[in-house]
Structure formats: structure tokens, C-alpha cells
Amino acid sequence: MEPCVTASIELPAAAAIAVATLTAETPLAPDVIRSPDAVVTDSVVLRAADSAGAPAALPQALPRGAEVSVIEQRSPWTKVRVASGTAGWVPDGAIQRVR
């Protein structure tokens, strides 16, 4: 049997975090969308799941104009991430794409 040789590469902490974040959040499904968006509906509750009966993911509703990133779409719901890093679901009609 031949010995197994492994190599390690030292990365700056910021690069290691970026790689770990990208690896953890890189979607495998082709229908996953990532782009900045703006929540345009007043009192949009960020839900923990894609259901109107799901609990709120945040204690307060997202305000009109709050910027979010789209993670996934499952019509009639869209999964978004807010600036704090919290992810949750809103109705499709609650966001408008920013171009």
C-alpha cells in the first residue's frame, strides 16, 4: 500500500470565511436565484417556511423598502435573506426586483 499524502493550504481568515460561506450557501438547484431585491409591501412577515401558517422568522415585519437577497423561489413564495443574515419566506408579490 502506498502512503496517502495530503497537503494543506493556509488562507487568511477572511478568505477562509468567504470560502466556507460560499461553500455552505452555494445552491445546487439551477432555479435558485441570487440578486438584490426590495420589499415593497408594508408589513411583510418573514416566515420560517413557505406557508402563511408558518411562524414568523423575525419578531417584526419587514418594512417597505427593506433590501433583501433572493435565495429560492417556490411559487407563490420566495425565500429571501435580510441584511442581518436571517432567511425566510415572503409571498412572491411582496418583493419587486431591483435592476
Protein backbone atom coordinates (compact mmCIF):
# COMPACT_ATOMS: atom_id res chain seq x y z
CA MET A 1 0.00 0.00 0.00
CA GLU A 2 1.24 3.49 -0.86
CA PRO A 3 1.15 6.18 1.81
CA CYS A 4 -1.55 8.81 1.49
CA VAL A 5 -0.20 12.35 1.24
CA THR A 6 -2.39 15.34 1.94
CA ALA A 7 -1.49 18.98 1.61
CA SER A 8 -2.93 21.90 3.48
CA ILE A 9 -3.05 25.48 2.35
CA GLU A 10 -3.14 28.28 4.85
CA LEU A 11 -5.62 31.00 3.95
CA PRO A 12 -6.09 34.38 5.58
CA ALA A 13 -9.02 34.23 7.99
CA ALA A 14 -11.24 36.40 5.75
CA ALA A 15 -10.60 34.17 2.74
CA ALA A 16 -11.32 31.03 4.75
CA ILE A 17 -14.59 32.50 5.97
CA ALA A 18 -15.55 33.54 2.44
CA VAL A 19 -14.80 30.07 1.09
CA ALA A 20 -16.75 28.43 3.91
CA THR A 21 -19.69 30.79 3.38
CA LEU A 22 -19.76 30.26 -0.37
CA THR A 23 -19.48 26.52 0.05
CA ALA A 24 -22.28 26.40 2.62
CA GLU A 25 -24.58 28.68 0.68
CA THR A 26 -23.86 27.66 -2.91
CA PRO A 27 -27.09 26.26 -4.29
CA LEU A 28 -27.17 23.02 -6.21
CA ALA A 29 -30.55 23.59 -7.84
CA PRO A 30 -30.50 25.63 -11.09
CA ASP A 31 -33.69 27.50 -10.17
CA VAL A 32 -32.09 29.25 -7.19
CA ILE A 33 -31.77 32.99 -7.78
CA ARG A 34 -29.42 35.43 -6.07
CA SER A 35 -29.93 39.14 -6.60
CA PRO A 36 -30.66 42.20 -4.52
CA ASP A 37 -34.36 42.99 -4.22
CA ALA A 38 -36.53 45.46 -2.32
CA VAL A 39 -39.51 44.53 -0.18
CA VAL A 40 -42.27 46.84 -1.40
CA THR A 41 -45.31 45.72 0.60
CA ASP A 42 -45.98 47.17 4.05
CA SER A 43 -45.92 44.73 6.93
CA VAL A 44 -44.45 41.75 5.11
CA VAL A 45 -43.95 38.97 7.63
CA LEU A 46 -40.81 36.93 7.02
CA ARG A 47 -41.98 33.33 7.56
CA ALA A 48 -39.91 30.36 8.72
CA ALA A 49 -41.42 28.21 5.93
CA ASP A 50 -43.27 28.68 2.65
CA SER A 51 -46.71 28.79 4.24
CA ALA A 52 -49.00 31.52 5.54
CA GLY A 53 -49.40 29.45 8.72
CA ALA A 54 -45.66 29.18 9.38
CA PRO A 55 -44.25 31.09 12.35
CA ALA A 56 -42.52 34.40 11.81
CA ALA A 57 -38.74 34.19 11.29
CA LEU A 58 -38.29 37.67 12.81
CA PRO A 59 -40.17 39.34 15.67
CA GLN A 60 -41.13 42.30 13.44
CA ALA A 61 -42.45 42.55 9.89
CA LEU A 62 -40.09 43.67 7.14
CA PRO A 63 -40.68 47.37 6.39
CA ARG A 64 -41.44 48.75 2.94
CA GLY A 65 -38.19 49.27 1.05
CA ALA A 66 -36.12 46.77 3.05
CA GLU A 67 -33.41 45.29 0.83
CA VAL A 68 -33.21 41.51 0.61
CA SER A 69 -31.39 38.88 -1.44
CA VAL A 70 -33.44 36.20 -3.16
CA ILE A 71 -32.33 32.67 -2.34
CA GLU A 72 -35.05 30.50 -3.86
CA GLN A 73 -38.48 30.66 -5.44
CA ARG A 74 -41.33 28.21 -4.88
CA SER A 75 -44.34 29.91 -6.33
CA PRO A 76 -46.25 31.54 -4.69
CA TRP A 77 -43.41 32.01 -2.15
CA THR A 78 -39.88 33.44 -2.35
CA LYS A 79 -37.12 32.69 0.15
CA VAL A 80 -35.05 35.78 0.96
CA ARG A 81 -32.17 36.77 3.23
CA VAL A 82 -32.14 40.11 5.06
CA ALA A 83 -29.02 42.14 5.90
CA SER A 84 -28.78 40.56 9.37
CA GLY A 85 -28.38 37.15 7.72
CA THR A 86 -31.81 35.83 8.69
CA ALA A 87 -33.54 33.92 5.90
CA GLY A 88 -37.24 33.30 5.49
CA TRP A 89 -40.16 33.22 3.10
CA VAL A 90 -42.40 36.00 1.77
CA PRO A 91 -45.23 35.90 -0.79
CA ASP A 92 -43.98 36.39 -4.38
CA GLY A 93 -45.92 39.64 -4.74
CA ALA A 94 -44.23 41.18 -1.67
CA ILE A 95 -40.95 41.89 -3.46
CA GLN A 96 -40.01 43.74 -6.59
CA ARG A 97 -36.72 43.11 -8.38
CA VAL A 98 -34.15 45.90 -8.41
CA ARG A 99 -32.39 46.08 -11.79
